[in-house]
Amino acid sequence: MQKQRPKHLDLGKIRLPVPGIVSILHRISGVALFFALPLLIYLLSGSLSAAETFDSYHAVVAHPLMKLILIGFLWAFLHHATAGVRFLFLDIHKGLELQTARATAKIVLAVSLSLTVILGAILW
């Protein structure tokens, strides 16, 4: 007897638990940081070469759209770091219980978002 398989997956109906969302965001933030690294190194090297180039790079970074992009990279870094610490604890078998895993995932989201808001407000 052949199994009835779904013809398509309705991604809108699939609900991931919070630890799954944190895991996927950890991967997405890692990819974003990987692709942002050349841009950030370029901005840093250009700003350190001469005073005139620093002024031109400062004008680019002062643009509101560029500030939003850099705040997005700031969130990616903070989320990747906090989720990485969570995963290190999971690797040593701490926090594997269901309630603890859900609580630490919520803490990762809260800490990364609140630190992004605080640091983004300071740096804006």
PDB file of N, CA and C in Angstrom:
ATOM      1  N   MET A   1       0.836  -1.173   0.000  1.00  0.00           N
ATOM      2  CA  MET A   1       0.000   0.000   0.000  1.00  0.00           C
ATOM      3  C   MET A   1       0.886   1.244   0.000  1.00  0.00           C
ATOM      4  N   GLN A   2       0.546   2.170  -0.851  1.00  0.00           N
ATOM      5  CA  GLN A   2       1.335   3.373  -1.001  1.00  0.00           C
ATOM      6  C   GLN A   2       0.840   4.466  -0.056  1.00  0.00           C
ATOM      7  N   LYS A   3       1.819   5.218   0.533  1.00  0.00           N
ATOM      8  CA  LYS A   3       1.451   6.297   1.455  1.00  0.00           C
ATOM      9  C   LYS A   3       0.950   7.509   0.683  1.00  0.00           C
ATOM     10  N   GLN A   4      -0.013   8.181   1.296  1.00  0.00           N
ATOM     11  CA  GLN A   4      -0.477   9.444   0.745  1.00  0.00           C
ATOM     12  C   GLN A   4       0.446  10.551   1.230  1.00  0.00           C
ATOM     13  N   ARG A   5       1.177  11.145   0.339  1.00  0.00           N
ATOM     14  CA  ARG A   5       2.072  12.241   0.688  1.00  0.00           C
ATOM     15  C   ARG A   5       1.440  13.561   0.253  1.00  0.00           C
ATOM     16  N   PRO A   6       1.757  14.609   0.972  1.00  0.00           N
ATOM     17  CA  PRO A   6       1.197  15.907   0.541  1.00  0.00           C
ATOM     18  C   PRO A   6       1.805  16.337  -0.792  1.00  0.00           C
ATOM     19  N   LYS A   7       0.998  16.981  -1.581  1.00  0.00           N
ATOM     20  CA  LYS A   7       1.475  17.445  -2.882  1.00  0.00           C
ATOM     21  C   LYS A   7       2.307  18.714  -2.759  1.00  0.00           C
ATOM     22  N   HIS A   8       2.076  19.480  -1.734  1.00  0.00           N
ATOM     23  CA  HIS A   8       2.861  20.695  -1.487  1.00  0.00           C
ATOM     24  C   HIS A   8       2.879  20.981   0.014  1.00  0.00           C
ATOM     25  N   LEU A   9       3.873  21.714   0.421  1.00  0.00           N
ATOM     26  CA  LEU A   9       3.957  22.134   1.820  1.00  0.00           C
ATOM     27  C   LEU A   9       3.434  23.556   1.927  1.00  0.00           C
ATOM     28  N   ASP A  10       2.507  23.775   2.805  1.00  0.00           N
ATOM     29  CA  ASP A  10       2.008  25.119   3.060  1.00  0.00           C
ATOM     30  C   ASP A  10       2.859  25.722   4.168  1.00  0.00           C
ATOM     31  N   LEU A  11       3.869  26.496   3.767  1.00  0.00           N
ATOM     32  CA  LEU A  11       4.816  27.035   4.736  1.00  0.00           C
ATOM     33  C   LEU A  11       4.171  28.016   5.706  1.00  0.00           C
ATOM     34  N   GLY A  12       3.044  28.576   5.327  1.00  0.00           N
ATOM     35  CA  GLY A  12       2.353  29.482   6.234  1.00  0.00           C
ATOM     36  C   GLY A  12       1.719  28.767   7.415  1.00  0.00           C
ATOM     37  N   LYS A  13       1.455  27.480   7.265  1.00  0.00           N
ATOM     38  CA  LYS A  13       0.822  26.722   8.341  1.00  0.00           C
ATOM     39  C   LYS A  13       1.824  26.025   9.253  1.00  0.00           C
ATOM     40  N   ILE A  14       3.059  25.906   8.808  1.00  0.00           N
ATOM     41  CA  ILE A  14       4.075  25.246   9.623  1.00  0.00           C
ATOM     42  C   ILE A  14       4.537  26.225  10.695  1.00  0.00           C
ATOM     43  N   ARG A  15       4.461  25.818  11.938  1.00  0.00           N
ATOM     44  CA  ARG A  15       4.860  26.671  13.058  1.00  0.00           C
ATOM     45  C   ARG A  15       6.084  26.078  13.736  1.00  0.00           C
ATOM     46  N   LEU A  16       7.181  26.795  13.648  1.00  0.00           N
ATOM     47  CA  LEU A  16       8.400  26.360  14.318  1.00  0.00           C
ATOM     48  C   LEU A  16       8.361  26.780  15.780  1.00  0.00           C
ATOM     49  N   PRO A  17       8.915  25.984  16.658  1.00  0.00           N
ATOM     50  CA  PRO A  17       9.051  26.439  18.044  1.00  0.00           C
ATOM     51  C   PRO A  17      10.130  27.516  18.122  1.00  0.00           C
ATOM     52  N   VAL A  18      10.146  28.244  19.224  1.00  0.00           N
ATOM     53  CA  VAL A  18      11.100  29.347  19.390  1.00  0.00           C
ATOM     54  C   VAL A  18      12.552  28.882  19.253  1.00  0.00           C
ATOM     55  N   PRO A  19      12.958  27.731  19.815  1.00  0.00           N
ATOM     56  CA  PRO A  19      14.346  27.298  19.591  1.00  0.00           C
ATOM     57  C   PRO A  19      14.669  27.066  18.113  1.00  0.00           C
ATOM     58  N   GLY A  20      13.702  26.618  17.335  1.00  0.00           N
ATOM     59  CA  GLY A  20      13.922  26.442  15.902  1.00  0.00           C
ATOM     60  C   GLY A  20      14.108  27.765  15.195  1.00  0.00           C
ATOM     61  N   ILE A  21      13.333  28.761  15.595  1.00  0.00           N
ATOM     62  CA  ILE A  21      13.465  30.098  15.014  1.00  0.00           C
ATOM     63  C   ILE A  21      14.831  30.674  15.348  1.00  0.00           C
ATOM     64  N   VAL A  22      15.272  30.516  16.597  1.00  0.00           N
ATOM     65  CA  VAL A  22      16.592  31.012  17.003  1.00  0.00           C
ATOM     66  C   VAL A  22      17.685  30.314  16.206  1.00  0.00           C
ATOM     67  N   SER A  23      17.534  29.022  15.983  1.00  0.00           N
ATOM     68  CA  SER A  23      18.530  28.274  15.219  1.00  0.00           C
ATOM     69  C   SER A  23      18.617  28.770  13.780  1.00  0.00           C
ATOM     70  N   ILE A  24      17.478  28.991  13.142  1.00  0.00           N
ATOM     71  CA  ILE A  24      17.477  29.481  11.770  1.00  0.00           C
ATOM     72  C   ILE A  24      18.034  30.900  11.705  1.00  0.00           C
ATOM     73  N   LEU A  25      17.663  31.748  12.656  1.00  0.00           N
ATOM     74  CA  LEU A  25      18.200  33.109  12.683  1.00  0.00           C
ATOM     75  C   LEU A  25      19.706  33.109  12.938  1.00  0.00           C
ATOM     76  N   HIS A  26      20.195  32.135  13.696  1.00  0.00           N
ATOM     77  CA  HIS A  26      21.636  32.012  13.936  1.00  0.00           C
ATOM     78  C   HIS A  26      22.358  31.742  12.616  1.00  0.00           C
ATOM     79  N   ARG A  27      21.795  30.863  11.807  1.00  0.00           N
ATOM     80  CA  ARG A  27      22.401  30.576  10.505  1.00  0.00           C
ATOM     81  C   ARG A  27      22.314  31.772   9.571  1.00  0.00           C
ATOM     82  N   ILE A  28      21.162  32.437   9.543  1.00  0.00           N
ATOM     83  CA  ILE A  28      20.991  33.599   8.671  1.00  0.00           C
ATOM     84  C   ILE A  28      21.938  34.718   9.082  1.00  0.00           C
ATOM     85  N   SER A  29      22.073  34.945  10.392  1.00  0.00           N
ATOM     86  CA  SER A  29      22.976  36.009  10.849  1.00  0.00           C
ATOM     87  C   SER A  29      24.427  35.670  10.540  1.00  0.00           C
ATOM     88  N   GLY A  30      24.787  34.394  10.606  1.00  0.00           N
ATOM     89  CA  GLY A  30      26.147  33.993  10.250  1.00  0.00           C
ATOM     90  C   GLY A  30      26.444  34.249   8.783  1.00  0.00           C
ATOM     91  N   VAL A  31      25.492  33.943   7.919  1.00  0.00           N
ATOM     92  CA  VAL A  31      25.667  34.205   6.481  1.00  0.00           C
ATOM     93  C   VAL A  31      25.742  35.707   6.226  1.00  0.00           C
ATOM     94  N   ALA A  32      24.887  36.480   6.898  1.00  0.00           N
ATOM     95  CA  ALA A  32      24.910  37.932   6.724  1.00  0.00           C
ATOM     96  C   ALA A  32      26.250  38.514   7.165  1.00  0.00           C
ATOM     97  N   LEU A  33      26.773  38.028   8.274  1.00  0.00           N
ATOM     98  CA  LEU A  33      28.072  38.517   8.743  1.00  0.00           C
ATOM     99  C   LEU A  33      29.184  38.129   7.783  1.00  0.00           C
ATOM    100  N   PHE A  34      29.106  36.937   7.215  1.00  0.00           N
ATOM    101  CA  PHE A  34      30.119  36.488   6.265  1.00  0.00           C
ATOM    102  C   PHE A  34      30.149  37.399   5.041  1.00  0.00           C
ATOM    103  N   PHE A  35      28.970  37.732   4.515  1.00  0.00           N
ATOM    104  CA  PHE A  35      28.922  38.589   3.333  1.00  0.00           C
ATOM    105  C   PHE A  35      29.158  40.058   3.667  1.00  0.00           C
ATOM    106  N   ALA A  36      28.938  40.471   4.903  1.00  0.00           N
ATOM    107  CA  ALA A  36      29.167  41.858   5.300  1.00  0.00           C
ATOM    108  C   ALA A  36      30.631  42.141   5.598  1.00  0.00           C
ATOM    109  N   LEU A  37      31.395  41.109   5.866  1.00  0.00           N
ATOM    110  CA  LEU A  37      32.786  41.296   6.253  1.00  0.00           C
ATOM    111  C   LEU A  37      33.610  42.078   5.225  1.00  0.00           C
ATOM    112  N   PRO A  38      33.523  41.792   3.926  1.00  0.00           N
ATOM    113  CA  PRO A  38      34.295  42.601   2.972  1.00  0.00           C
ATOM    114  C   PRO A  38      33.904  44.080   2.997  1.00  0.00           C
ATOM    115  N   LEU A  39      32.615  44.381   3.116  1.00  0.00           N
ATOM    116  CA  LEU A  39      32.168  45.767   3.183  1.00  0.00           C
ATOM    117  C   LEU A  39      32.723  46.455   4.428  1.00  0.00           C
ATOM    118  N   LEU A  40      32.644  45.790   5.561  1.00  0.00           N
ATOM    119  CA  LEU A  40      33.121  46.401   6.803  1.00  0.00           C
ATOM    120  C   LEU A  40      34.636  46.592   6.786  1.00  0.00           C
ATOM    121  N   ILE A  41      35.363  45.640   6.227  1.00  0.00           N
ATOM    122  CA  ILE A  41      36.816  45.787   6.118  1.00  0.00           C
ATOM    123  C   ILE A  41      37.161  46.916   5.158  1.00  0.00           C
ATOM    124  N   TYR A  42      36.415  47.027   4.059  1.00  0.00           N
ATOM    125  CA  TYR A  42      36.639  48.109   3.104  1.00  0.00           C
ATOM    126  C   TYR A  42      36.398  49.470   3.754  1.00  0.00           C
ATOM    127  N   LEU A  43      35.309  49.593   4.505  1.00  0.00           N
ATOM    128  CA  LEU A  43      35.025  50.856   5.188  1.00  0.00           C
ATOM    129  C   LEU A  43      36.094  51.175   6.226  1.00  0.00           C
ATOM    130  N   LEU A  44      36.541  50.179   6.961  1.00  0.00           N
ATOM    131  CA  LEU A  44      37.564  50.409   7.972  1.00  0.00           C
ATOM    132  C   LEU A  44      38.892  50.798   7.342  1.00  0.00           C
ATOM    133  N   SER A  45      39.313  50.082   6.312  1.00  0.00           N
ATOM    134  CA  SER A  45      40.614  50.388   5.700  1.00  0.00           C
ATOM    135  C   SER A  45      40.590  51.748   5.028  1.00  0.00           C
ATOM    136  N   GLY A  46      39.479  52.093   4.394  1.00  0.00           N
ATOM    137  CA  GLY A  46      39.380  53.403   3.753  1.00  0.00           C
ATOM    138  C   GLY A  46      39.347  54.538   4.749  1.00  0.00           C
ATOM    139  N   SER A  47      38.751  54.304   5.882  1.00  0.00           N
ATOM    140  CA  SER A  47      38.668  55.375   6.883  1.00  0.00           C
ATOM    141  C   SER A  47      39.994  55.580   7.599  1.00  0.00           C
ATOM    142  N   LEU A  48      40.875  54.610   7.564  1.00  0.00           N
ATOM    143  CA  LEU A  48      42.165  54.734   8.248  1.00  0.00           C
ATOM    144  C   LEU A  48      43.285  55.208   7.350  1.00  0.00           C
ATOM    145  N   SER A  49      43.039  55.342   6.038  1.00  0.00           N
ATOM    146  CA  SER A  49      44.143  55.651   5.123  1.00  0.00           C
ATOM    147  C   SER A  49      44.543  57.122   5.151  1.00  0.00           C
ATOM    148  N   ALA A  50      43.581  58.055   5.110  1.00  0.00           N
ATOM    149  CA  ALA A  50      43.909  59.491   5.115  1.00  0.00           C
ATOM    150  C   ALA A  50      42.721  60.268   5.659  1.00  0.00           C
ATOM    151  N   ALA A  51      42.981  61.512   6.027  1.00  0.00           N
ATOM    152  CA  ALA A  51      41.922  62.343   6.612  1.00  0.00           C
ATOM    153  C   ALA A  51      40.832  62.656   5.597  1.00  0.00           C
ATOM    154  N   GLU A  52      41.207  62.863   4.332  1.00  0.00           N
ATOM    155  CA  GLU A  52      40.220  63.182   3.299  1.00  0.00           C
ATOM    156  C   GLU A  52      39.298  61.991   3.041  1.00  0.00           C
ATOM    157  N   THR A  53      39.876  60.817   2.977  1.00  0.00           N
ATOM    158  CA  THR A  53      39.041  59.637   2.756  1.00  0.00           C
ATOM    159  C   THR A  53      38.171  59.336   3.976  1.00  0.00           C
ATOM    160  N   PHE A  54      38.679  59.672   5.162  1.00  0.00           N
ATOM    161  CA  PHE A  54      37.851  59.492   6.354  1.00  0.00           C
ATOM    162  C   PHE A  54      36.602  60.349   6.262  1.00  0.00           C
ATOM    163  N   ASP A  55      36.749  61.596   5.809  1.00  0.00           N
ATOM    164  CA  ASP A  55      35.590  62.474   5.685  1.00  0.00           C
ATOM    165  C   ASP A  55      34.588  61.943   4.664  1.00  0.00           C
ATOM    166  N   SER A  56      35.079  61.407   3.545  1.00  0.00           N
ATOM    167  CA  SER A  56      34.155  60.870   2.539  1.00  0.00           C
ATOM    168  C   SER A  56      33.467  59.603   3.054  1.00  0.00           C
ATOM    169  N   TYR A  57      34.193  58.754   3.756  1.00  0.00           N
ATOM    170  CA  TYR A  57      33.586  57.547   4.324  1.00  0.00           C
ATOM    171  C   TYR A  57      32.615  57.908   5.439  1.00  0.00           C
ATOM    172  N   HIS A  58      32.940  58.946   6.192  1.00  0.00           N
ATOM    173  CA  HIS A  58      32.032  59.388   7.251  1.00  0.00           C
ATOM    174  C   HIS A  58      30.723  59.883   6.652  1.00  0.00           C
ATOM    175  N   ALA A  59      30.798  60.552   5.506  1.00  0.00           N
ATOM    176  CA  ALA A  59      29.582  61.020   4.842  1.00  0.00           C
ATOM    177  C   ALA A  59      28.742  59.843   4.363  1.00  0.00           C
ATOM    178  N   VAL A  60      29.378  58.791   3.892  1.00  0.00           N
ATOM    179  CA  VAL A  60      28.637  57.597   3.440  1.00  0.00           C
ATOM    180  C   VAL A  60      27.960  56.919   4.620  1.00  0.00           C
ATOM    181  N   VAL A  61      28.684  56.756   5.706  1.00  0.00           N
ATOM    182  CA  VAL A  61      28.138  56.071   6.879  1.00  0.00           C
ATOM    183  C   VAL A  61      27.080  56.915   7.575  1.00  0.00           C
ATOM    184  N   ALA A  62      27.105  58.233   7.394  1.00  0.00           N
ATOM    185  CA  ALA A  62      26.124  59.105   8.033  1.00  0.00           C
ATOM    186  C   ALA A  62      24.766  59.059   7.327  1.00  0.00           C
ATOM    187  N   HIS A  63      24.699  58.496   6.136  1.00  0.00           N
ATOM    188  CA  HIS A  63      23.428  58.396   5.414  1.00  0.00           C
ATOM    189  C   HIS A  63      22.480  57.469   6.186  1.00  0.00           C
ATOM    190  N   PRO A  64      21.204  57.862   6.332  1.00  0.00           N
ATOM    191  CA  PRO A  64      20.270  57.054   7.131  1.00  0.00           C
ATOM    192  C   PRO A  64      20.092  55.612   6.636  1.00  0.00           C
ATOM    193  N   LEU A  65      20.109  55.389   5.319  1.00  0.00           N
ATOM    194  CA  LEU A  65      19.974  54.027   4.813  1.00  0.00           C
ATOM    195  C   LEU A  65      21.174  53.172   5.203  1.00  0.00           C
ATOM    196  N   MET A  66      22.372  53.764   5.122  1.00  0.00           N
ATOM    197  CA  MET A  66      23.575  53.030   5.513  1.00  0.00           C
ATOM    198  C   MET A  66      23.564  52.760   7.015  1.00  0.00           C
ATOM    199  N   LYS A  67      23.041  53.687   7.800  1.00  0.00           N
ATOM    200  CA  LYS A  67      22.932  53.458   9.246  1.00  0.00           C
ATOM    201  C   LYS A  67      22.009  52.282   9.541  1.00  0.00           C
ATOM    202  N   LEU A  68      20.895  52.188   8.817  1.00  0.00           N
ATOM    203  CA  LEU A  68      19.982  51.063   9.015  1.00  0.00           C
ATOM    204  C   LEU A  68      20.649  49.741   8.632  1.00  0.00           C
ATOM    205  N   ILE A  69      21.419  49.755   7.550  1.00  0.00           N
ATOM    206  CA  ILE A  69      22.131  48.540   7.144  1.00  0.00           C
ATOM    207  C   ILE A  69      23.141  48.146   8.212  1.00  0.00           C
ATOM    208  N   LEU A  70      23.877  49.119   8.740  1.00  0.00           N
ATOM    209  CA  LEU A  70      24.868  48.822   9.778  1.00  0.00           C
ATOM    210  C   LEU A  70      24.207  48.371  11.080  1.00  0.00           C
ATOM    211  N   ILE A  71      23.035  48.909  11.403  1.00  0.00           N
ATOM    212  CA  ILE A  71      22.307  48.440  12.582  1.00  0.00           C
ATOM    213  C   ILE A  71      21.819  47.010  12.356  1.00  0.00           C
ATOM    214  N   GLY A  72      21.445  46.686  11.125  1.00  0.00           N
ATOM    215  CA  GLY A  72      21.089  45.301  10.805  1.00  0.00           C
ATOM    216  C   GLY A  72      22.267  44.366  11.005  1.00  0.00           C
ATOM    217  N   PHE A  73      23.461  44.796  10.593  1.00  0.00           N
ATOM    218  CA  PHE A  73      24.656  43.988  10.822  1.00  0.00           C
ATOM    219  C   PHE A  73      24.987  43.901  12.305  1.00  0.00           C
ATOM    220  N   LEU A  74      24.704  44.973  13.046  1.00  0.00           N
ATOM    221  CA  LEU A  74      24.906  44.950  14.491  1.00  0.00           C
ATOM    222  C   LEU A  74      23.994  43.905  15.133  1.00  0.00           C
ATOM    223  N   TRP A  75      22.714  43.872  14.699  1.00  0.00           N
ATOM    224  CA  TRP A  75      21.812  42.841  15.211  1.00  0.00           C
ATOM    225  C   TRP A  75      22.326  41.449  14.853  1.00  0.00           C
ATOM    226  N   ALA A  76      22.787  41.280  13.615  1.00  0.00           N
ATOM    227  CA  ALA A  76      23.279  39.965  13.187  1.00  0.00           C
ATOM    228  C   ALA A  76      24.438  39.525  14.071  1.00  0.00           C
ATOM    229  N   PHE A  77      25.349  40.443  14.372  1.00  0.00           N
ATOM    230  CA  PHE A  77      26.483  40.104  15.229  1.00  0.00           C
ATOM    231  C   PHE A  77      26.026  39.742  16.638  1.00  0.00           C
ATOM    232  N   LEU A  78      25.148  40.571  17.211  1.00  0.00           N
ATOM    233  CA  LEU A  78      24.703  40.329  18.585  1.00  0.00           C
ATOM    234  C   LEU A  78      23.876  39.048  18.684  1.00  0.00           C
ATOM    235  N   HIS A  79      23.023  38.802  17.709  1.00  0.00           N
ATOM    236  CA  HIS A  79      22.232  37.566  17.746  1.00  0.00           C
ATOM    237  C   HIS A  79      23.137  36.354  17.570  1.00  0.00           C
ATOM    238  N   HIS A  80      24.069  36.438  16.630  1.00  0.00           N
ATOM    239  CA  HIS A  80      24.959  35.310  16.378  1.00  0.00           C
ATOM    240  C   HIS A  80      25.806  35.004  17.615  1.00  0.00           C
ATOM    241  N   ALA A  81      26.253  36.045  18.300  1.00  0.00           N
ATOM    242  CA  ALA A  81      27.078  35.845  19.500  1.00  0.00           C
ATOM    243  C   ALA A  81      26.260  35.239  20.642  1.00  0.00           C
ATOM    244  N   THR A  82      25.078  35.798  20.910  1.00  0.00           N
ATOM    245  CA  THR A  82      24.282  35.279  22.030  1.00  0.00           C
ATOM    246  C   THR A  82      23.753  33.883  21.739  1.00  0.00           C
ATOM    247  N   ALA A  83      23.322  33.627  20.512  1.00  0.00           N
ATOM    248  CA  ALA A  83      22.866  32.280  20.168  1.00  0.00           C
ATOM    249  C   ALA A  83      24.038  31.299  20.181  1.00  0.00           C
ATOM    250  N   GLY A  84      25.216  31.765  19.809  1.00  0.00           N
ATOM    251  CA  GLY A  84      26.395  30.903  19.857  1.00  0.00           C
ATOM    252  C   GLY A  84      26.722  30.469  21.269  1.00  0.00           C
ATOM    253  N   VAL A  85      26.585  31.374  22.225  1.00  0.00           N
ATOM    254  CA  VAL A  85      26.809  31.014  23.633  1.00  0.00           C
ATOM    255  C   VAL A  85      25.762  29.984  24.065  1.00  0.00           C
ATOM    256  N   ARG A  86      24.521  30.180  23.637  1.00  0.00           N
ATOM    257  CA  ARG A  86      23.464  29.208  23.965  1.00  0.00           C
ATOM    258  C   ARG A  86      23.800  27.839  23.390  1.00  0.00           C
ATOM    259  N   PHE A  87      24.256  27.813  22.152  1.00  0.00           N
ATOM    260  CA  PHE A  87      24.588  26.528  21.524  1.00  0.00           C
ATOM    261  C   PHE A  87      25.805  25.876  22.169  1.00  0.00           C
ATOM    262  N   LEU A  88      26.726  26.676  22.679  1.00  0.00           N
ATOM    263  CA  LEU A  88      27.858  26.095  23.404  1.00  0.00           C
ATOM    264  C   LEU A  88      27.381  25.369  24.660  1.00  0.00           C
ATOM    265  N   PHE A  89      26.425  25.971  25.368  1.00  0.00           N
ATOM    266  CA  PHE A  89      25.860  25.294  26.534  1.00  0.00           C
ATOM    267  C   PHE A  89      25.098  24.030  26.139  1.00  0.00           C
ATOM    268  N   LEU A  90      24.397  24.080  25.005  1.00  0.00           N
ATOM    269  CA  LEU A  90      23.702  22.879  24.550  1.00  0.00           C
ATOM    270  C   LEU A  90      24.697  21.782  24.184  1.00  0.00           C
ATOM    271  N   ASP A  91      25.856  22.171  23.657  1.00  0.00           N
ATOM    272  CA  ASP A  91      26.879  21.184  23.296  1.00  0.00           C
ATOM    273  C   ASP A  91      27.440  20.456  24.509  1.00  0.00           C
ATOM    274  N   ILE A  92      27.441  21.116  25.658  1.00  0.00           N
ATOM    275  CA  ILE A  92      27.928  20.436  26.870  1.00  0.00           C
ATOM    276  C   ILE A  92      26.757  19.894  27.699  1.00  0.00           C
ATOM    277  N   HIS A  93      25.608  19.746  27.017  1.00  0.00           N
ATOM    278  CA  HIS A  93      24.417  19.119  27.593  1.00  0.00           C
ATOM    279  C   HIS A  93      23.840  19.893  28.773  1.00  0.00           C
ATOM    280  N   LYS A  94      23.886  21.206  28.698  1.00  0.00           N
ATOM    281  CA  LYS A  94      23.231  22.069  29.682  1.00  0.00           C
ATOM    282  C   LYS A  94      22.052  22.761  29.000  1.00  0.00           C
ATOM    283  N   GLY A  95      20.903  22.670  29.597  1.00  0.00           N
ATOM    284  CA  GLY A  95      19.718  23.328  29.064  1.00  0.00           C
ATOM    285  C   GLY A  95      19.013  22.550  27.975  1.00  0.00           C
ATOM    286  N   LEU A  96      19.112  21.247  27.998  1.00  0.00           N
ATOM    287  CA  LEU A  96      18.469  20.425  26.970  1.00  0.00           C
ATOM    288  C   LEU A  96      17.000  20.143  27.257  1.00  0.00           C
ATOM    289  N   GLU A  97      16.558  20.377  28.492  1.00  0.00           N
ATOM    290  CA  GLU A  97      15.160  20.131  28.815  1.00  0.00           C
ATOM    291  C   GLU A  97      14.286  21.089  28.003  1.00  0.00           C
ATOM    292  N   LEU A  98      13.073  20.658  27.704  1.00  0.00           N
ATOM    293  CA  LEU A  98      12.197  21.409  26.816  1.00  0.00           C
ATOM    294  C   LEU A  98      11.928  22.824  27.327  1.00  0.00           C
ATOM    295  N   GLN A  99      11.556  22.950  28.585  1.00  0.00           N
ATOM    296  CA  GLN A  99      11.242  24.278  29.131  1.00  0.00           C
ATOM    297  C   GLN A  99      12.478  25.169  29.178  1.00  0.00           C
ATOM    298  N   THR A 100      13.627  24.598  29.524  1.00  0.00           N
ATOM    299  CA  THR A 100      14.864  25.375  29.575  1.00  0.00           C
ATOM    300  C   THR A 100      15.284  25.813  28.180  1.00  0.00           C
ATOM    301  N   ALA A 101      15.157  24.921  27.206  1.00  0.00           N
ATOM    302  CA  ALA A 101      15.521  25.264  25.826  1.00  0.00           C
ATOM    303  C   ALA A 101      14.641  26.388  25.293  1.00  0.00           C
ATOM    304  N   ARG A 102      13.359  26.328  25.600  1.00  0.00           N
ATOM    305  CA  ARG A 102      12.458  27.401  25.160  1.00  0.00           C
ATOM    306  C   ARG A 102      12.773  28.715  25.862  1.00  0.00           C
ATOM    307  N   ALA A 103      13.065  28.635  27.160  1.00  0.00           N
ATOM    308  CA  ALA A 103      13.375  29.849  27.920  1.00  0.00           C
ATOM    309  C   ALA A 103      14.670  30.489  27.435  1.00  0.00           C
ATOM    310  N   THR A 104      15.705  29.690  27.203  1.00  0.00           N
ATOM    311  CA  THR A 104      16.973  30.262  26.742  1.00  0.00           C
ATOM    312  C   THR A 104      16.847  30.827  25.331  1.00  0.00           C
ATOM    313  N   ALA A 105      16.000  30.225  24.498  1.00  0.00           N
ATOM    314  CA  ALA A 105      15.782  30.768  23.159  1.00  0.00           C
ATOM    315  C   ALA A 105      15.102  32.139  23.241  1.00  0.00           C
ATOM    316  N   LYS A 106      14.138  32.263  24.131  1.00  0.00           N
ATOM    317  CA  LYS A 106      13.476  33.560  24.316  1.00  0.00           C
ATOM    318  C   LYS A 106      14.449  34.584  24.882  1.00  0.00           C
ATOM    319  N   ILE A 107      15.331  34.154  25.777  1.00  0.00           N
ATOM    320  CA  ILE A 107      16.334  35.057  26.343  1.00  0.00           C
ATOM    321  C   ILE A 107      17.283  35.541  25.255  1.00  0.00           C
ATOM    322  N   VAL A 108      17.684  34.645  24.353  1.00  0.00           N
ATOM    323  CA  VAL A 108      18.571  35.038  23.254  1.00  0.00           C
ATOM    324  C   VAL A 108      17.909  36.108  22.397  1.00  0.00           C
ATOM    325  N   LEU A 109      16.646  35.909  22.044  1.00  0.00           N
ATOM    326  CA  LEU A 109      15.943  36.906  21.242  1.00  0.00           C
ATOM    327  C   LEU A 109      15.823  38.238  21.976  1.00  0.00           C
ATOM    328  N   ALA A 110      15.471  38.178  23.259  1.00  0.00           N
ATOM    329  CA  ALA A 110      15.301  39.411  24.029  1.00  0.00           C
ATOM    330  C   ALA A 110      16.624  40.152  24.195  1.00  0.00           C
ATOM    331  N   VAL A 111      17.691  39.425  24.507  1.00  0.00           N
ATOM    332  CA  VAL A 111      18.986  40.072  24.729  1.00  0.00           C
ATOM    333  C   VAL A 111      19.523  40.670  23.434  1.00  0.00           C
ATOM    334  N   SER A 112      19.450  39.920  22.344  1.00  0.00           N
ATOM    335  CA  SER A 112      19.998  40.443  21.088  1.00  0.00           C
ATOM    336  C   SER A 112      19.211  41.654  20.597  1.00  0.00           C
ATOM    337  N   LEU A 113      17.901  41.612  20.703  1.00  0.00           N
ATOM    338  CA  LEU A 113      17.105  42.757  20.261  1.00  0.00           C
ATOM    339  C   LEU A 113      17.289  43.968  21.166  1.00  0.00           C
ATOM    340  N   SER A 114      17.316  43.750  22.483  1.00  0.00           N
ATOM    341  CA  SER A 114      17.470  44.896  23.390  1.00  0.00           C
ATOM    342  C   SER A 114      18.862  45.512  23.269  1.00  0.00           C
ATOM    343  N   LEU A 115      19.894  44.694  23.130  1.00  0.00           N
ATOM    344  CA  LEU A 115      21.236  45.253  22.933  1.00  0.00           C
ATOM    345  C   LEU A 115      21.346  46.000  21.610  1.00  0.00           C
ATOM    346  N   THR A 116      20.658  45.511  20.591  1.00  0.00           N
ATOM    347  CA  THR A 116      20.659  46.206  19.306  1.00  0.00           C
ATOM    348  C   THR A 116      19.994  47.566  19.433  1.00  0.00           C
ATOM    349  N   VAL A 117      18.876  47.617  20.130  1.00  0.00           N
ATOM    350  CA  VAL A 117      18.184  48.899  20.314  1.00  0.00           C
ATOM    351  C   VAL A 117      19.046  49.864  21.116  1.00  0.00           C
ATOM    352  N   ILE A 118      19.654  49.369  22.201  1.00  0.00           N
ATOM    353  CA  ILE A 118      20.476  50.242  23.042  1.00  0.00           C
ATOM    354  C   ILE A 118      21.698  50.746  22.291  1.00  0.00           C
ATOM    355  N   LEU A 119      22.457  49.831  21.683  1.00  0.00           N
ATOM    356  CA  LEU A 119      23.658  50.248  20.954  1.00  0.00           C
ATOM    357  C   LEU A 119      23.321  51.037  19.703  1.00  0.00           C
ATOM    358  N   GLY A 120      22.224  50.680  19.037  1.00  0.00           N
ATOM    359  CA  GLY A 120      21.800  51.437  17.863  1.00  0.00           C
ATOM    360  C   GLY A 120      21.420  52.863  18.221  1.00  0.00           C
ATOM    361  N   ALA A 121      20.757  53.047  19.360  1.00  0.00           N
ATOM    362  CA  ALA A 121      20.402  54.404  19.795  1.00  0.00           C
ATOM    363  C   ALA A 121      21.641  55.203  20.168  1.00  0.00           C
ATOM    364  N   ILE A 122      22.621  54.556  20.765  1.00  0.00           N
ATOM    365  CA  ILE A 122      23.859  55.254  21.130  1.00  0.00           C
ATOM    366  C   ILE A 122      24.635  55.640  19.880  1.00  0.00           C
ATOM    367  N   LEU A 123      24.699  54.739  18.909  1.00  0.00           N
ATOM    368  CA  LEU A 123      25.509  54.976  17.719  1.00  0.00           C
ATOM    369  C   LEU A 123      24.812  55.793  16.653  1.00  0.00           C
ATOM    370  N   TRP A 124      23.502  55.939  16.714  1.00  0.00           N
ATOM    371  CA  TRP A 124      22.769  56.678  15.686  1.00  0.00           C
ATOM    372  C   TRP A 124      23.169  58.112  15.729  1.00  0.00           C
TER     373      TRP A 124
END
